[in-house]
Amino acid sequence: MAVAALVFVYVFIITFIIVLAYYLLVGLLKLIGFILMSIIIYLGFFLHWLIEKVYRSIFPRRERVSKN
């Protein structure tokens, strides 16, 4: 009876450690993914701004001529 209880406790502890490690790993991967997506979105906005600057330096906006 005592051996069965010890085996149960050991199995419970090992399972708990495995599940905890799994959720920590998944949480870490989610955090890394969030950081990478934030960097990618930031780079997208930056490239959009940079391309507009280069484009406007080559093709400036035309002055609107009023018809009055």
N, C-alpha and C. Protein backbone atom coordinates (compact mmCIF):
# COMPACT_ATOMS: atom_id res chain seq x y z
N MET A 1 0.83 -1.20 0.00
CA MET A 1 0.00 0.00 0.00
C MET A 1 0.87 1.26 0.00
N ALA A 2 1.92 1.24 0.81
CA ALA A 2 2.79 2.41 0.88
C ALA A 2 3.55 2.59 -0.43
N VAL A 3 3.91 1.49 -1.08
CA VAL A 3 4.63 1.57 -2.35
C VAL A 3 3.72 2.17 -3.41
N ALA A 4 2.45 1.75 -3.43
CA ALA A 4 1.49 2.29 -4.40
C ALA A 4 1.30 3.79 -4.18
N ALA A 5 1.25 4.20 -2.93
CA ALA A 5 1.09 5.62 -2.63
C ALA A 5 2.32 6.41 -3.09
N LEU A 6 3.51 5.85 -2.85
CA LEU A 6 4.73 6.53 -3.29
C LEU A 6 4.80 6.63 -4.82
N VAL A 7 4.43 5.55 -5.50
CA VAL A 7 4.41 5.57 -6.97
C VAL A 7 3.43 6.63 -7.46
N PHE A 8 2.26 6.70 -6.83
CA PHE A 8 1.26 7.69 -7.21
C PHE A 8 1.81 9.10 -7.03
N VAL A 9 2.47 9.34 -5.90
CA VAL A 9 3.03 10.66 -5.63
C VAL A 9 4.12 10.99 -6.64
N TYR A 10 5.01 10.04 -6.93
CA TYR A 10 6.06 10.28 -7.90
C TYR A 10 5.50 10.56 -9.29
N VAL A 11 4.53 9.76 -9.71
CA VAL A 11 3.91 9.96 -11.02
C VAL A 11 3.22 11.33 -11.07
N PHE A 12 2.54 11.70 -9.99
CA PHE A 12 1.87 13.00 -9.93
C PHE A 12 2.89 14.13 -10.05
N ILE A 13 3.99 14.03 -9.32
CA ILE A 13 5.01 15.09 -9.35
C ILE A 13 5.65 15.18 -10.73
N ILE A 14 5.99 14.04 -11.32
CA ILE A 14 6.61 14.04 -12.65
C ILE A 14 5.64 14.61 -13.68
N THR A 15 4.37 14.20 -13.63
CA THR A 15 3.37 14.72 -14.56
C THR A 15 3.20 16.23 -14.37
N PHE A 16 3.17 16.67 -13.13
CA PHE A 16 3.04 18.09 -12.85
C PHE A 16 4.22 18.87 -13.44
N ILE A 17 5.43 18.36 -13.28
CA ILE A 17 6.62 19.03 -13.81
C ILE A 17 6.57 19.07 -15.34
N ILE A 18 6.16 17.98 -15.97
CA ILE A 18 6.08 17.94 -17.43
C ILE A 18 5.05 18.94 -17.94
N VAL A 19 3.88 18.96 -17.32
CA VAL A 19 2.82 19.89 -17.74
C VAL A 19 3.26 21.33 -17.51
N LEU A 20 3.89 21.60 -16.38
CA LEU A 20 4.37 22.95 -16.10
C LEU A 20 5.42 23.39 -17.11
N ALA A 21 6.34 22.49 -17.44
CA ALA A 21 7.37 22.82 -18.44
C ALA A 21 6.73 23.08 -19.80
N TYR A 22 5.71 22.29 -20.16
CA TYR A 22 5.02 22.47 -21.43
C TYR A 22 4.37 23.84 -21.50
N TYR A 23 3.64 24.22 -20.46
CA TYR A 23 2.96 25.51 -20.48
C TYR A 23 3.94 26.68 -20.42
N LEU A 24 5.05 26.51 -19.72
CA LEU A 24 6.07 27.56 -19.74
C LEU A 24 6.68 27.72 -21.12
N LEU A 25 6.93 26.58 -21.80
CA LEU A 25 7.47 26.62 -23.15
C LEU A 25 6.49 27.27 -24.11
N VAL A 26 5.21 26.91 -24.03
CA VAL A 26 4.20 27.50 -24.90
C VAL A 26 4.08 29.00 -24.63
N GLY A 27 4.09 29.39 -23.36
CA GLY A 27 4.02 30.80 -23.02
C GLY A 27 5.22 31.56 -23.55
N LEU A 28 6.39 30.95 -23.44
CA LEU A 28 7.61 31.58 -23.96
C LEU A 28 7.54 31.74 -25.47
N LEU A 29 7.05 30.70 -26.16
CA LEU A 29 6.93 30.77 -27.61
C LEU A 29 5.91 31.84 -28.02
N LYS A 30 4.81 31.96 -27.27
CA LYS A 30 3.83 33.00 -27.57
C LYS A 30 4.44 34.39 -27.38
N LEU A 31 5.21 34.56 -26.32
CA LEU A 31 5.86 35.84 -26.07
C LEU A 31 6.85 36.18 -27.18
N ILE A 32 7.64 35.21 -27.60
CA ILE A 32 8.60 35.44 -28.70
C ILE A 32 7.85 35.77 -29.98
N GLY A 33 6.76 35.07 -30.25
CA GLY A 33 5.96 35.36 -31.44
C GLY A 33 5.37 36.75 -31.40
N PHE A 34 4.88 37.17 -30.24
CA PHE A 34 4.32 38.51 -30.10
C PHE A 34 5.38 39.57 -30.37
N ILE A 35 6.57 39.37 -29.81
CA ILE A 35 7.66 40.33 -30.01
C ILE A 35 8.06 40.38 -31.49
N LEU A 36 8.18 39.22 -32.13
CA LEU A 36 8.56 39.19 -33.54
C LEU A 36 7.51 39.86 -34.41
N MET A 37 6.22 39.61 -34.13
CA MET A 37 5.16 40.24 -34.93
C MET A 37 5.16 41.75 -34.71
N SER A 38 5.44 42.20 -33.50
CA SER A 38 5.52 43.64 -33.25
C SER A 38 6.65 44.26 -34.05
N ILE A 39 7.79 43.60 -34.09
CA ILE A 39 8.93 44.11 -34.86
C ILE A 39 8.58 44.14 -36.35
N ILE A 40 7.93 43.10 -36.86
CA ILE A 40 7.57 43.05 -38.27
C ILE A 40 6.59 44.16 -38.62
N ILE A 41 5.59 44.38 -37.77
CA ILE A 41 4.62 45.45 -38.02
C ILE A 41 5.31 46.80 -37.98
N TYR A 42 6.20 47.01 -37.02
CA TYR A 42 6.95 48.27 -36.94
C TYR A 42 7.77 48.47 -38.21
N LEU A 43 8.45 47.43 -38.68
CA LEU A 43 9.25 47.55 -39.90
C LEU A 43 8.37 47.86 -41.10
N GLY A 44 7.16 47.31 -41.14
CA GLY A 44 6.23 47.61 -42.22
C GLY A 44 5.87 49.08 -42.25
N PHE A 45 5.53 49.64 -41.09
CA PHE A 45 5.22 51.07 -41.03
C PHE A 45 6.42 51.91 -41.39
N PHE A 46 7.61 51.53 -40.92
CA PHE A 46 8.83 52.28 -41.23
C PHE A 46 9.13 52.25 -42.72
N LEU A 47 9.00 51.07 -43.35
CA LEU A 47 9.26 50.98 -44.79
C LEU A 47 8.25 51.79 -45.58
N HIS A 48 7.00 51.78 -45.13
CA HIS A 48 5.97 52.59 -45.79
C HIS A 48 6.35 54.06 -45.74
N TRP A 49 6.79 54.54 -44.59
CA TRP A 49 7.20 55.94 -44.43
C TRP A 49 8.42 56.24 -45.30
N LEU A 50 9.40 55.34 -45.30
CA LEU A 50 10.62 55.55 -46.05
C LEU A 50 10.37 55.57 -47.56
N ILE A 51 9.54 54.64 -48.03
CA ILE A 51 9.23 54.60 -49.46
C ILE A 51 8.49 55.87 -49.87
N GLU A 52 7.58 56.34 -49.03
CA GLU A 52 6.88 57.58 -49.35
C GLU A 52 7.85 58.76 -49.42
N LYS A 53 8.81 58.83 -48.49
CA LYS A 53 9.80 59.90 -48.52
C LYS A 53 10.61 59.87 -49.81
N VAL A 54 11.08 58.69 -50.21
CA VAL A 54 11.87 58.57 -51.43
C VAL A 54 11.01 58.92 -52.65
N TYR A 55 9.77 58.43 -52.68
CA TYR A 55 8.87 58.70 -53.80
C TYR A 55 8.58 60.20 -53.91
N ARG A 56 8.32 60.85 -52.77
CA ARG A 56 8.01 62.29 -52.80
C ARG A 56 9.25 63.12 -53.12
N SER A 57 10.44 62.61 -52.85
CA SER A 57 11.64 63.35 -53.24
C SER A 57 11.84 63.28 -54.75
N ILE A 58 11.38 62.19 -55.37
CA ILE A 58 11.49 62.08 -56.83
C ILE A 58 10.31 62.76 -57.51
N PHE A 59 9.11 62.52 -57.01
CA PHE A 59 7.89 63.09 -57.58
C PHE A 59 7.20 63.95 -56.52
N PRO A 60 7.56 65.24 -56.43
CA PRO A 60 6.92 66.08 -55.41
C PRO A 60 5.44 66.30 -55.73
N ARG A 61 4.69 66.68 -54.72
CA ARG A 61 3.26 66.96 -54.92
C ARG A 61 3.10 68.18 -55.82
N ARG A 62 2.11 68.11 -56.67
CA ARG A 62 1.85 69.25 -57.55
C ARG A 62 1.08 70.31 -56.80
N GLU A 63 1.39 71.55 -57.12
CA GLU A 63 0.65 72.66 -56.52
C GLU A 63 -0.71 72.73 -57.19
N ARG A 64 -1.74 72.88 -56.41
CA ARG A 64 -3.08 73.01 -57.00
C ARG A 64 -3.28 74.44 -57.45
N VAL A 65 -3.74 74.57 -58.65
CA VAL A 65 -3.98 75.88 -59.21
C VAL A 65 -5.46 76.21 -59.02
N SER A 66 -5.73 77.33 -58.36
CA SER A 66 -7.13 77.71 -58.17
C SER A 66 -7.68 78.31 -59.46
N LYS A 67 -8.95 78.05 -59.72
CA LYS A 67 -9.56 78.51 -60.97
C LYS A 67 -10.17 79.90 -60.82
N ASN A 68 -9.96 80.58 -59.72
CA ASN A 68 -10.55 81.91 -59.53
C ASN A 68 -9.78 82.96 -60.30
